[in-house]
Amino acid sequence: MTFVYVFVLVVLSFCALWVWKRVGEPAAARPWRAYRAASSTEGVLAAQLAAGDITDDQYADAMAELAAKHC
């Protein structure tokens, strides 16, 4: 039983070290997580909101304006 505990501890340690090395890694080093540009107006607004470029009120106003144009 002690072997199982030690084995699990070693495996978890290796996993933690493997993940820890990748924290703060630049996006260029992770091409599988490359940023995709938004392809719609709603996507652009959501990306700006997530990035903090616009406020919640600005987002809501822009979405209301888009909705009014489509009706």
C-alpha atoms as a PDB file:
ATOM      1  CA  MET A   1       0.000   0.000   0.000  1.00  0.00           C
ATOM      2  CA  THR A   2       2.893   2.329   0.692  1.00  0.00           C
ATOM      3  CA  PHE A   3       4.102   1.762  -2.859  1.00  0.00           C
ATOM      4  CA  VAL A   4       0.784   3.028  -4.232  1.00  0.00           C
ATOM      5  CA  TYR A   5       0.946   6.202  -2.116  1.00  0.00           C
ATOM      6  CA  VAL A   6       4.524   6.906  -3.146  1.00  0.00           C
ATOM      7  CA  PHE A   7       3.725   6.179  -6.799  1.00  0.00           C
ATOM      8  CA  VAL A   8       0.726   8.541  -6.784  1.00  0.00           C
ATOM      9  CA  LEU A   9       2.790  11.229  -5.056  1.00  0.00           C
ATOM     10  CA  VAL A  10       5.564  10.943  -7.661  1.00  0.00           C
ATOM     11  CA  VAL A  11       3.116  11.040 -10.575  1.00  0.00           C
ATOM     12  CA  LEU A  12       1.325  14.077  -9.154  1.00  0.00           C
ATOM     13  CA  SER A  13       4.646  15.815  -8.591  1.00  0.00           C
ATOM     14  CA  PHE A  14       5.708  15.275 -12.189  1.00  0.00           C
ATOM     15  CA  CYS A  15       2.343  16.509 -13.453  1.00  0.00           C
ATOM     16  CA  ALA A  16       2.509  19.606 -11.258  1.00  0.00           C
ATOM     17  CA  LEU A  17       6.034  20.431 -12.446  1.00  0.00           C
ATOM     18  CA  TRP A  18       5.049  19.914 -16.076  1.00  0.00           C
ATOM     19  CA  VAL A  19       2.096  22.307 -15.754  1.00  0.00           C
ATOM     20  CA  TRP A  20       4.036  24.805 -13.616  1.00  0.00           C
ATOM     21  CA  LYS A  21       6.674  25.260 -16.335  1.00  0.00           C
ATOM     22  CA  ARG A  22       3.986  26.317 -18.799  1.00  0.00           C
ATOM     23  CA  VAL A  23       2.377  28.988 -16.592  1.00  0.00           C
ATOM     24  CA  GLY A  24       3.156  32.383 -18.066  1.00  0.00           C
ATOM     25  CA  GLU A  25       4.429  30.910 -21.317  1.00  0.00           C
ATOM     26  CA  PRO A  26       4.016  33.334 -24.223  1.00  0.00           C
ATOM     27  CA  ALA A  27       1.277  32.549 -26.732  1.00  0.00           C
ATOM     28  CA  ALA A  28       3.835  32.223 -29.544  1.00  0.00           C
ATOM     29  CA  ALA A  29       5.213  29.148 -27.802  1.00  0.00           C
ATOM     30  CA  ARG A  30       1.735  27.587 -27.903  1.00  0.00           C
ATOM     31  CA  PRO A  31       0.626  27.567 -31.548  1.00  0.00           C
ATOM     32  CA  TRP A  32      -2.212  25.179 -30.748  1.00  0.00           C
ATOM     33  CA  ARG A  33      -3.786  27.981 -28.674  1.00  0.00           C
ATOM     34  CA  ALA A  34      -3.301  30.726 -31.210  1.00  0.00           C
ATOM     35  CA  TYR A  35      -5.651  33.689 -30.978  1.00  0.00           C
ATOM     36  CA  ARG A  36      -8.403  33.646 -33.555  1.00  0.00           C
ATOM     37  CA  ALA A  37      -9.757  36.919 -34.798  1.00  0.00           C
ATOM     38  CA  ALA A  38     -13.474  37.395 -34.324  1.00  0.00           C
ATOM     39  CA  SER A  39     -15.398  37.060 -37.555  1.00  0.00           C
ATOM     40  CA  SER A  40     -18.623  38.858 -36.602  1.00  0.00           C
ATOM     41  CA  THR A  41     -19.504  42.214 -35.131  1.00  0.00           C
ATOM     42  CA  GLU A  42     -20.843  40.529 -32.013  1.00  0.00           C
ATOM     43  CA  GLY A  43     -17.604  38.576 -31.704  1.00  0.00           C
ATOM     44  CA  VAL A  44     -15.531  41.738 -32.009  1.00  0.00           C
ATOM     45  CA  LEU A  45     -17.594  43.403 -29.296  1.00  0.00           C
ATOM     46  CA  ALA A  46     -17.296  40.371 -27.022  1.00  0.00           C
ATOM     47  CA  ALA A  47     -13.524  40.272 -27.563  1.00  0.00           C
ATOM     48  CA  GLN A  48     -13.238  43.977 -26.748  1.00  0.00           C
ATOM     49  CA  LEU A  49     -15.331  43.492 -23.620  1.00  0.00           C
ATOM     50  CA  ALA A  50     -13.193  40.537 -22.497  1.00  0.00           C
ATOM     51  CA  ALA A  51     -10.000  42.506 -23.142  1.00  0.00           C
ATOM     52  CA  GLY A  52     -11.300  45.455 -21.142  1.00  0.00           C
ATOM     53  CA  ASP A  53     -11.264  47.826 -24.097  1.00  0.00           C
ATOM     54  CA  ILE A  54     -14.929  48.711 -23.614  1.00  0.00           C
ATOM     55  CA  THR A  55     -17.170  48.814 -20.550  1.00  0.00           C
ATOM     56  CA  ASP A  56     -20.299  46.776 -19.894  1.00  0.00           C
ATOM     57  CA  ASP A  57     -22.476  49.797 -20.676  1.00  0.00           C
ATOM     58  CA  GLN A  58     -20.692  50.436 -23.969  1.00  0.00           C
ATOM     59  CA  TYR A  59     -21.130  46.774 -24.895  1.00  0.00           C
ATOM     60  CA  ALA A  60     -24.837  46.851 -24.060  1.00  0.00           C
ATOM     61  CA  ASP A  61     -25.347  50.071 -26.048  1.00  0.00           C
ATOM     62  CA  ALA A  62     -23.513  48.671 -29.072  1.00  0.00           C
ATOM     63  CA  MET A  63     -25.491  45.413 -28.953  1.00  0.00           C
ATOM     64  CA  ALA A  64     -28.776  47.352 -28.655  1.00  0.00           C
ATOM     65  CA  GLU A  65     -27.759  49.441 -31.670  1.00  0.00           C
ATOM     66  CA  LEU A  66     -26.959  46.290 -33.649  1.00  0.00           C
ATOM     67  CA  ALA A  67     -30.273  44.732 -32.673  1.00  0.00           C
ATOM     68  CA  ALA A  68     -32.149  47.863 -33.738  1.00  0.00           C
ATOM     69  CA  LYS A  69     -30.458  47.815 -37.156  1.00  0.00           C
ATOM     70  CA  HIS A  70     -31.446  44.196 -37.768  1.00  0.00           C
ATOM     71  CA  CYS A  71     -35.145  44.710 -36.982  1.00  0.00           C
END
